[in-house]
């Protein structure tokens, strides 16, 4: 490992303790390394603006930072145990190539400042992708709601057959859910779109850093003004990002549950494309819906990541090394959640309903609610109409069809009034 910036003369660093302190920093910082280089470039420009670097020194630093980014991307430079973390690796490389000019890159910064801005840039990218995927899911669901709005589908409450529903209603539900998920991800992106670069370890520095420049150069919407709040927001912003992702993976989990049931032999409502299933390793007669089962499991990782960060935040104000552990949480949460969401649009676009099984599952009792409501409309108190319909549930379906039940469901948002145009306007507004 290269010399540690903070190492004191005459004090030997215990290797075992240092391994504990470093933890997974080097491995995790590979995820954030390019963002750290991007922020270091902006910081170097700001240092040149206030006279810490000459124009020639800045040119050299920018050249070498760009070369380091290229070498890292192509595998010519490997961030490994030679370095304490990604930040020390950047400084070591610049010092090796540029001497004293390389040593100046850390002026006015702390390692906390470096990882804070790198992870903030990373979170912005992940939230933007989350919002885009939610919009994509909503569009697929809306298109299928339009195409299949009259297809009868059994409706369940308490996992019991309840009423006649429709594929249109099922799809419309996921459309509205993922429109809201996209909005939430976008709103969270606006929250975290604040530049912490230049706040050092939470108290600023005795240099007139050009934070306005770095805010613009890094594409932040605003500067995070208070250095103390920059520290207070660390963890809080990460939790908000995971909550936005979690809103989507929570809905994903419920879609996966529906499909787990609907693809079972007992229901048989849905056929999945073959690539979403795997063969059993012991039972040659079956195919397993492994993709949707692993999708179902994804939210657990996102929720665990949020909980891990929440438990880190039982701290007084100021910077604490505990906060470094938040890197692993956001990495693991997003590295599980986003790949599952990436698969969802195509899965939804390609699943097939088995109409014969859907119609066969609609029994007479599922019209009982229609009978009760019709009697109430005719003037019978609903409690009496309910009891009469319950008593005659076995014959409630006589003379009725699923289409007739759906056509009569005229309450706003129900099968005969899906309001898909309203949902489309909301979606188009997001995409515009």
Protein backbone atom coordinates (compact mmCIF):
# COMPACT_ATOMS: atom_id res chain seq x y z
CA UNK A 1 0.00 0.00 0.00
CA UNK A 2 1.21 3.50 -0.79
CA UNK A 3 2.09 5.93 2.02
CA UNK A 4 -0.93 7.13 3.93
CA UNK A 5 -1.61 10.85 3.84
CA UNK A 6 -2.49 10.91 7.51
CA UNK A 7 0.41 8.70 8.74
CA UNK A 8 2.50 10.32 11.49
CA UNK A 9 6.32 10.10 11.66
CA UNK A 10 7.62 7.34 13.89
CA UNK A 11 4.28 5.54 14.13
CA UNK A 12 4.00 2.16 12.46
CA UNK A 13 0.66 1.34 10.90
CA UNK A 14 -0.61 -2.01 12.12
CA UNK A 15 -1.45 -4.05 9.02
CA UNK A 16 -4.37 -5.89 10.61
CA UNK A 17 -5.90 -2.69 11.92
CA UNK A 18 -5.41 -1.03 8.55
CA UNK A 19 -7.16 -3.90 6.79
CA UNK A 20 -10.09 -3.41 9.13
CA UNK A 21 -10.11 0.35 8.53
CA UNK A 22 -9.93 -0.05 4.77
CA UNK A 23 -12.62 -2.73 4.69
CA UNK A 24 -14.07 -2.99 1.20
CA UNK A 25 -13.17 0.60 0.28
CA UNK A 26 -10.95 -0.31 -2.65
CA UNK A 27 -13.48 -2.74 -4.09
CA UNK A 28 -16.41 -0.39 -3.60
CA UNK A 29 -14.53 2.63 -4.89
CA UNK A 30 -14.18 0.90 -8.25
CA UNK A 31 -17.87 1.67 -8.66
CA UNK A 32 -17.37 5.36 -7.89
CA UNK A 33 -13.86 5.85 -9.31
CA UNK A 34 -14.81 7.59 -12.55
CA UNK A 35 -17.09 9.94 -10.66
CA UNK A 36 -14.22 10.74 -8.28
CA UNK A 37 -12.01 11.53 -11.26
CA UNK A 38 -14.73 13.76 -12.71
CA UNK A 39 -15.05 15.64 -9.42
CA UNK A 40 -11.25 15.91 -9.08
CA UNK A 41 -11.08 17.53 -12.50
CA UNK A 42 -13.66 20.14 -11.51
CA UNK A 43 -11.87 20.72 -8.21
CA UNK A 44 -8.57 21.26 -10.02
CA UNK A 45 -10.22 23.87 -12.23
CA UNK A 46 -11.50 25.62 -9.12
CA UNK A 47 -8.03 25.57 -7.55
CA UNK A 48 -6.59 27.20 -10.65
CA UNK A 49 -9.25 29.93 -10.43
CA UNK A 50 -8.00 30.94 -6.97
CA UNK A 51 -4.30 30.71 -7.77
CA UNK A 52 -3.41 27.39 -6.12
CA UNK A 53 -2.57 25.88 -9.48
CA UNK A 54 -0.96 27.49 -12.48
CA UNK A 55 -2.49 27.14 -15.92
CA UNK A 56 0.23 24.65 -16.88
CA UNK A 57 -0.32 22.62 -13.71
CA UNK A 58 -4.05 22.50 -14.38
CA UNK A 59 -3.48 21.38 -17.96
CA UNK A 60 -1.21 18.58 -16.74
CA UNK A 61 -3.67 17.46 -14.08
CA UNK A 62 -6.58 17.40 -16.50
CA UNK A 63 -4.53 15.46 -19.03
CA UNK A 64 -3.49 12.86 -16.46
CA UNK A 65 -6.94 12.58 -14.92
CA UNK A 66 -8.38 11.90 -18.37
CA UNK A 67 -5.64 9.33 -19.00
CA UNK A 68 -6.37 7.67 -15.64
CA UNK A 69 -10.07 7.46 -16.50
CA UNK A 70 -9.21 5.85 -19.82
CA UNK A 71 -6.75 3.43 -18.25
CA UNK A 72 -9.26 2.44 -15.59
CA UNK A 73 -12.04 1.94 -18.14
CA UNK A 74 -9.87 -0.28 -20.32
CA UNK A 75 -8.34 -2.24 -17.45
CA UNK A 76 -4.83 -0.88 -17.82
CA UNK A 77 -5.13 0.62 -14.34
CA UNK A 78 -6.54 -1.58 -11.57
CA UNK A 79 -7.74 -0.19 -8.28
CA UNK A 80 -6.47 -2.82 -5.84
CA UNK A 81 -4.96 -3.34 -2.40
CA UNK A 82 -1.93 -1.22 -3.26
CA UNK A 83 -4.12 1.75 -2.38
CA UNK A 84 -6.08 2.65 0.71
CA UNK A 85 -9.05 3.76 -1.39
CA UNK A 86 -9.92 5.34 -4.71
CA UNK A 87 -9.00 8.86 -3.62
CA UNK A 88 -5.49 7.92 -2.52
CA UNK A 89 -5.07 6.06 -5.80
CA UNK A 90 -5.86 9.20 -7.78
CA UNK A 91 -3.40 11.28 -5.79
CA UNK A 92 -0.69 8.59 -6.03
CA UNK A 93 -1.07 8.37 -9.80
CA UNK A 94 -0.97 12.15 -10.25
CA UNK A 95 2.04 12.48 -7.97
CA UNK A 96 3.86 9.74 -9.88
CA UNK A 97 3.20 11.47 -13.20
CA UNK A 98 3.37 15.15 -12.18
CA UNK A 99 5.31 15.42 -8.93
CA UNK A 100 4.34 18.41 -6.80
CA UNK A 101 1.49 19.40 -9.07
CA UNK A 102 -0.06 16.01 -8.38
CA UNK A 103 0.30 16.51 -4.65
CA UNK A 104 -1.71 19.72 -4.87
CA UNK A 105 -4.90 17.97 -6.02
CA UNK A 106 -5.94 17.29 -2.43
CA UNK A 107 -5.72 20.95 -1.40
CA UNK A 108 -8.92 22.07 0.28
CA UNK A 109 -10.44 18.61 0.30
CA UNK A 110 -10.92 15.67 2.63
CA UNK A 111 -11.37 12.02 1.75
CA UNK A 112 -14.91 12.38 3.03
CA UNK A 113 -15.48 15.30 0.65
CA UNK A 114 -14.23 13.16 -2.20
CA UNK A 115 -16.45 10.14 -1.65
CA UNK A 116 -19.43 12.34 -0.81
CA UNK A 117 -19.40 14.09 -4.17
CA UNK A 118 -18.56 10.89 -6.07
CA UNK A 119 -21.46 8.97 -4.55
CA UNK A 120 -23.75 11.97 -5.04
CA UNK A 121 -22.98 11.98 -8.77
CA UNK A 122 -23.48 8.21 -8.85
CA UNK A 123 -26.84 8.46 -7.08
CA UNK A 124 -28.01 11.02 -9.63
CA UNK A 125 -27.29 8.57 -12.44
CA UNK A 126 -29.03 5.70 -10.66
CA UNK A 127 -32.12 7.75 -9.85
CA UNK A 128 -32.35 8.99 -13.43
CA UNK A 129 -32.21 5.38 -14.60
CA UNK A 130 -34.81 4.34 -12.04
CA UNK A 131 -37.17 7.06 -13.26
CA UNK A 132 -36.60 6.08 -16.91
CA UNK A 133 -37.31 2.40 -16.21
CA UNK A 134 -40.47 3.26 -14.30
CA UNK A 135 -41.69 5.30 -17.26
CA UNK A 136 -40.89 2.39 -19.56
CA UNK A 137 -42.83 -0.06 -17.39
CA UNK A 138 -45.77 2.37 -17.24
CA UNK A 139 -45.82 2.67 -21.03
CA UNK A 140 -45.84 -1.09 -21.56
CA UNK A 141 -48.61 -1.51 -19.00
CA UNK A 142 -50.66 1.33 -20.52
CA UNK A 143 -50.36 -0.03 -24.04
CA UNK A 144 -51.53 -3.44 -22.87
CA UNK A 145 -54.35 -1.88 -20.85
CA UNK A 146 -55.62 -0.28 -24.03
CA UNK A 147 -55.29 -3.46 -26.08
CA UNK A 148 -56.75 -5.83 -23.46
CA UNK A 149 -59.17 -3.62 -21.56
CA UNK A 150 -62.15 -5.92 -22.17
CA UNK A 151 -60.42 -9.24 -21.50
CA UNK A 152 -62.13 -10.78 -18.43
CA UNK A 153 -59.82 -11.64 -15.53
CA UNK A 154 -60.79 -13.05 -12.14
CA UNK A 155 -60.45 -10.45 -9.40
CA UNK A 156 -59.15 -11.55 -6.02
CA UNK A 157 -59.26 -10.25 -2.48
CA UNK A 158 -57.57 -12.19 0.33
CA UNK A 159 -56.31 -14.51 -2.47
CA UNK A 160 -59.94 -15.67 -2.84
CA UNK A 161 -62.07 -15.29 -5.96
CA UNK A 162 -64.06 -12.11 -5.45
CA UNK A 163 -65.47 -10.34 -8.52
CA UNK A 164 -65.14 -10.21 -12.28
CA UNK A 165 -62.18 -8.02 -13.19
CA UNK A 166 -60.33 -7.37 -16.43
CA UNK A 167 -56.83 -7.38 -17.83
CA UNK A 168 -57.42 -3.70 -18.53
CA UNK A 169 -57.90 -3.01 -14.83
CA UNK A 170 -54.84 -5.09 -13.92
CA UNK A 171 -52.65 -3.27 -16.39
CA UNK A 172 -54.07 0.15 -15.48
CA UNK A 173 -53.12 -0.46 -11.86
CA UNK A 174 -49.48 -1.02 -12.73
CA UNK A 175 -49.55 1.92 -15.14
CA UNK A 176 -50.56 4.35 -12.43
CA UNK A 177 -48.22 2.75 -9.90
CA UNK A 178 -45.16 3.16 -12.10
CA UNK A 179 -46.11 6.69 -13.15
CA UNK A 180 -46.06 7.54 -9.44
CA UNK A 181 -42.79 5.62 -9.01
CA UNK A 182 -41.24 7.63 -11.85
CA UNK A 183 -42.38 10.88 -10.25
CA UNK A 184 -40.97 9.82 -6.91
CA UNK A 185 -37.60 8.94 -8.43
CA UNK A 186 -37.53 12.27 -10.27
CA UNK A 187 -38.44 14.21 -7.14
CA UNK A 188 -35.72 12.39 -5.20
CA UNK A 189 -33.25 13.22 -7.94
CA UNK A 190 -34.11 16.89 -7.44
CA UNK A 191 -33.51 16.48 -3.71
CA UNK A 192 -30.04 14.95 -4.06
CA UNK A 193 -29.00 17.23 -6.94
CA UNK A 194 -26.89 19.39 -4.62
CA UNK A 195 -23.13 19.85 -4.87
CA UNK A 196 -21.19 19.00 -1.67
CA UNK A 197 -17.76 19.48 -3.27
CA UNK A 198 -15.74 21.99 -1.27
CA UNK A 199 -17.34 21.32 2.11
CA UNK A 200 -14.27 19.28 3.19
CA UNK A 201 -14.91 17.36 6.43
CA UNK A 202 -17.94 19.46 7.28
CA UNK A 203 -16.51 22.85 8.27
CA UNK A 204 -15.20 24.31 5.03
CA UNK A 205 -11.59 25.43 4.56
CA UNK A 206 -9.65 28.67 4.74
CA UNK A 207 -9.64 29.07 0.97
CA UNK A 208 -12.14 30.91 -1.20
CA UNK A 209 -12.98 27.82 -3.20
CA UNK A 210 -14.86 28.37 -6.44
CA UNK A 211 -17.81 26.22 -5.49
CA UNK A 212 -20.04 27.99 -7.98
CA UNK A 213 -17.79 26.74 -10.77
CA UNK A 214 -17.70 23.14 -9.56
CA UNK A 215 -21.50 23.14 -9.20
CA UNK A 216 -21.92 24.07 -12.85
CA UNK A 217 -19.02 21.94 -14.09
CA UNK A 218 -20.42 18.81 -12.44
CA UNK A 219 -23.98 19.45 -13.61
CA UNK A 220 -25.53 19.96 -10.19
CA UNK A 221 -28.75 21.94 -9.96
CA UNK A 222 -27.61 23.81 -6.87
CA UNK A 223 -24.80 24.14 -4.38
CA UNK A 224 -25.23 22.47 -1.00
CA UNK A 225 -24.33 25.55 0.96
CA UNK A 226 -23.78 24.48 4.57
CA UNK A 227 -20.77 22.20 5.14
CA UNK A 228 -22.48 20.93 8.27
CA UNK A 229 -25.62 20.07 6.32
CA UNK A 230 -23.49 18.30 3.72
CA UNK A 231 -22.60 15.89 6.52
CA UNK A 232 -26.14 15.75 7.89
CA UNK A 233 -27.45 14.91 4.42
CA UNK A 234 -25.06 12.03 4.00
CA UNK A 235 -27.10 8.96 4.66
CA UNK A 236 -30.36 10.88 4.58
CA UNK A 237 -30.05 11.43 0.83
CA UNK A 238 -28.92 7.84 0.35
CA UNK A 239 -31.96 6.59 2.26
CA UNK A 240 -34.23 8.77 0.12
CA UNK A 241 -32.67 7.32 -3.04
CA UNK A 242 -33.16 3.76 -1.81
CA UNK A 243 -36.74 4.59 -0.82
CA UNK A 244 -37.42 5.82 -4.36
CA UNK A 245 -35.94 2.63 -5.78
CA UNK A 246 -37.81 0.64 -3.15
CA UNK A 247 -41.15 2.08 -4.23
CA UNK A 248 -40.54 0.52 -7.64
CA UNK A 249 -39.15 -2.79 -6.36
CA UNK A 250 -42.06 -3.07 -3.92
CA UNK A 251 -44.47 -2.92 -6.86
CA UNK A 252 -42.18 -5.26 -8.76
CA UNK A 253 -42.46 -7.74 -5.91
CA UNK A 254 -46.27 -7.65 -6.08
CA UNK A 255 -46.25 -8.07 -9.87
CA UNK A 256 -43.94 -11.04 -9.39
CA UNK A 257 -46.27 -12.50 -6.80
CA UNK A 258 -49.23 -12.20 -9.18
CA UNK A 259 -47.25 -13.87 -11.93
CA UNK A 260 -45.99 -16.58 -9.57
CA UNK A 261 -49.61 -17.47 -8.84
CA UNK A 262 -50.91 -16.92 -12.36
CA UNK A 263 -48.26 -19.18 -13.93
CA UNK A 264 -48.87 -22.05 -11.50
CA UNK A 265 -50.69 -25.14 -12.71
CA UNK A 266 -53.49 -24.39 -10.24
CA UNK A 267 -54.21 -21.03 -11.92
CA UNK A 268 -52.70 -21.39 -15.38
CA UNK A 269 -53.68 -17.85 -16.36
CA UNK A 270 -50.33 -16.76 -17.82
CA UNK A 271 -47.71 -18.31 -20.07
CA UNK A 272 -44.20 -16.86 -19.79
CA UNK A 273 -41.72 -16.81 -22.66
CA UNK A 274 -39.37 -19.77 -22.32
CA UNK A 275 -36.33 -17.61 -21.52
CA UNK A 276 -37.94 -16.52 -18.24
CA UNK A 277 -38.09 -20.09 -16.94
CA UNK A 278 -35.53 -22.75 -16.12
CA UNK A 279 -35.66 -26.52 -15.93
CA UNK A 280 -35.67 -28.33 -12.64
CA UNK A 281 -32.40 -30.03 -11.71
CA UNK A 282 -34.24 -33.06 -10.38
CA UNK A 283 -37.81 -33.00 -11.73
CA UNK A 284 -37.84 -33.42 -15.52
CA UNK A 285 -41.56 -32.72 -15.81
CA UNK A 286 -41.50 -29.02 -14.93
CA UNK A 287 -40.25 -25.56 -15.75
CA UNK A 288 -39.59 -23.08 -12.97
CA UNK A 289 -40.37 -19.33 -13.08
CA UNK A 290 -36.96 -18.49 -11.59
CA UNK A 291 -36.80 -14.99 -13.09
CA UNK A 292 -39.96 -13.78 -11.41
CA UNK A 293 -39.00 -15.50 -8.17
CA UNK A 294 -35.68 -13.68 -8.09
CA UNK A 295 -37.49 -10.47 -9.00
CA UNK A 296 -39.71 -11.14 -6.00
CA UNK A 297 -36.62 -11.40 -3.80
CA UNK A 298 -35.07 -8.15 -5.01
CA UNK A 299 -36.96 -5.77 -2.76
CA UNK A 300 -35.48 -7.48 0.30
CA UNK A 301 -32.02 -6.29 -0.72
CA UNK A 302 -33.21 -2.74 -1.32
CA UNK A 303 -35.07 -2.62 1.99
CA UNK A 304 -32.06 -4.07 3.81
CA UNK A 305 -29.77 -1.44 2.31
CA UNK A 306 -32.06 1.35 3.49
CA UNK A 307 -32.24 -0.17 6.97
CA UNK A 308 -28.45 -0.51 7.12
CA UNK A 309 -28.00 3.20 6.43
CA UNK A 310 -30.71 4.17 8.89
CA UNK A 311 -28.87 2.29 11.62
CA UNK A 312 -25.64 4.12 10.75
CA UNK A 313 -27.27 7.48 11.35
CA UNK A 314 -27.57 7.21 15.13
CA UNK A 315 -24.71 9.74 15.33
CA UNK A 316 -24.17 13.30 16.51
CA UNK A 317 -23.61 15.98 13.88
CA UNK A 318 -20.30 16.13 12.06
CA UNK A 319 -18.34 13.60 10.07
CA UNK A 320 -17.81 10.11 11.47
CA UNK A 321 -16.02 7.17 9.88
CA UNK A 322 -19.18 5.10 10.37
CA UNK A 323 -20.65 6.93 7.38
CA UNK A 324 -18.19 5.23 5.06
CA UNK A 325 -20.29 2.09 5.46
CA UNK A 326 -23.10 3.76 3.52
CA UNK A 327 -21.15 3.16 0.29
CA UNK A 328 -21.71 -0.57 0.47
CA UNK A 329 -25.39 -0.19 1.22
CA UNK A 330 -26.22 1.98 -1.78
CA UNK A 331 -24.07 -0.16 -4.04
CA UNK A 332 -25.73 -3.40 -2.99
CA UNK A 333 -29.24 -1.93 -3.01
CA UNK A 334 -28.99 -0.44 -6.48
CA UNK A 335 -26.93 -3.31 -7.91
CA UNK A 336 -29.79 -5.67 -7.04
CA UNK A 337 -32.76 -3.40 -7.67
CA UNK A 338 -31.92 -1.86 -11.02
CA UNK A 339 -31.06 -5.11 -12.87
CA UNK A 340 -34.43 -6.54 -11.82
CA UNK A 341 -36.24 -3.44 -13.06
CA UNK A 342 -34.27 -3.62 -16.31
CA UNK A 343 -35.88 -7.01 -17.05
CA UNK A 344 -39.42 -5.96 -16.18
CA UNK A 345 -40.55 -4.06 -19.32
CA UNK A 346 -39.78 -6.93 -21.70
CA UNK A 347 -41.31 -9.46 -19.34
CA UNK A 348 -44.56 -7.51 -19.17
CA UNK A 349 -44.59 -6.91 -22.91
CA UNK A 350 -44.23 -10.61 -23.71
CA UNK A 351 -46.31 -12.50 -21.18
CA UNK A 352 -49.40 -14.15 -22.66
CA UNK A 353 -52.83 -14.55 -21.09
CA UNK A 354 -54.52 -17.94 -21.43
CA UNK A 355 -58.06 -16.73 -22.08
CA UNK A 356 -59.68 -20.15 -21.73
CA UNK A 357 -58.30 -20.54 -18.22
CA UNK A 358 -59.28 -16.97 -17.29
CA UNK A 359 -62.90 -17.50 -18.31
CA UNK A 360 -63.09 -20.92 -16.68
CA UNK A 361 -62.05 -19.41 -13.34
CA UNK A 362 -64.98 -16.96 -13.26
CA UNK A 363 -67.68 -18.70 -11.23
CA UNK A 364 -71.25 -17.75 -10.38
CA UNK A 365 -70.41 -16.29 -6.99
CA UNK A 366 -68.22 -13.62 -8.58
CA UNK A 367 -71.39 -11.89 -9.82
CA UNK A 368 -72.87 -11.62 -6.33
CA UNK A 369 -71.58 -8.10 -5.81
CA UNK A 370 -73.23 -7.03 -9.08
CA UNK A 371 -76.53 -8.50 -7.85
CA UNK A 372 -76.28 -6.68 -4.52
CA UNK A 373 -75.44 -3.32 -6.10
CA UNK A 374 -78.24 -3.62 -8.66
CA UNK A 375 -80.73 -4.31 -5.87
CA UNK A 376 -79.46 -1.29 -3.94
CA UNK A 377 -79.91 0.88 -7.04
CA UNK A 378 -83.50 -0.41 -7.23
CA UNK A 379 -84.12 0.91 -3.71
CA UNK A 380 -83.40 -2.04 -1.44
CA UNK A 381 -81.17 -1.05 1.52
CA UNK A 382 -77.68 -2.35 0.78
CA UNK A 383 -77.47 -4.47 3.94
CA UNK A 384 -80.59 -6.38 2.88
CA UNK A 385 -79.44 -6.57 -0.74
CA UNK A 386 -76.08 -7.92 0.44
CA UNK A 387 -77.69 -10.69 2.51
CA UNK A 388 -79.98 -11.71 -0.32
CA UNK A 389 -77.10 -11.80 -2.81
CA UNK A 390 -75.00 -13.86 -0.43
CA UNK A 391 -77.78 -16.39 0.00
CA UNK A 392 -78.16 -16.75 -3.75
CA UNK A 393 -74.48 -16.58 -4.70
CA UNK A 394 -74.54 -20.00 -6.33
CA UNK A 395 -77.04 -18.78 -8.92
CA UNK A 396 -75.87 -15.14 -9.21
CA UNK A 397 -74.27 -15.81 -12.57
CA UNK A 398 -77.36 -17.08 -14.32
CA UNK A 399 -77.93 -15.07 -17.49
CA UNK A 400 -74.81 -13.00 -16.92
CA UNK A 401 -71.50 -12.74 -18.76
CA UNK A 402 -68.10 -11.38 -17.75
CA UNK A 403 -68.45 -8.70 -20.43
CA UNK A 404 -71.78 -7.59 -19.02
CA UNK A 405 -70.32 -7.31 -15.54
CA UNK A 406 -67.41 -5.25 -16.83
CA UNK A 407 -69.64 -2.97 -18.93
CA UNK A 408 -71.71 -2.18 -15.83
CA UNK A 409 -68.62 -1.28 -13.73
CA UNK A 410 -68.91 2.45 -14.38
CA UNK A 411 -67.30 3.98 -11.29
CA UNK A 412 -64.28 6.15 -12.24
CA UNK A 413 -61.26 3.95 -12.81
CA UNK A 414 -63.27 0.72 -12.95
CA UNK A 415 -63.51 -1.54 -16.00
CA UNK A 416 -66.05 0.56 -17.97
CA UNK A 417 -64.30 3.86 -17.20
CA UNK A 418 -60.59 3.09 -17.00
CA UNK A 419 -59.57 6.72 -17.65
CA UNK A 420 -56.60 5.53 -19.69
CA UNK A 421 -56.40 8.89 -21.47
CA UNK A 422 -55.80 10.58 -18.12
CA UNK A 423 -53.00 8.13 -17.35
CA UNK A 424 -51.52 8.68 -20.79
CA UNK A 425 -51.48 12.45 -20.28
CA UNK A 426 -49.63 12.00 -16.99
CA UNK A 427 -47.12 9.70 -18.64
CA UNK A 428 -46.58 11.98 -21.63
CA UNK A 429 -46.00 14.90 -19.25
CA UNK A 430 -43.21 12.91 -17.58
CA UNK A 431 -41.61 11.96 -20.88
CA UNK A 432 -41.75 15.53 -22.18
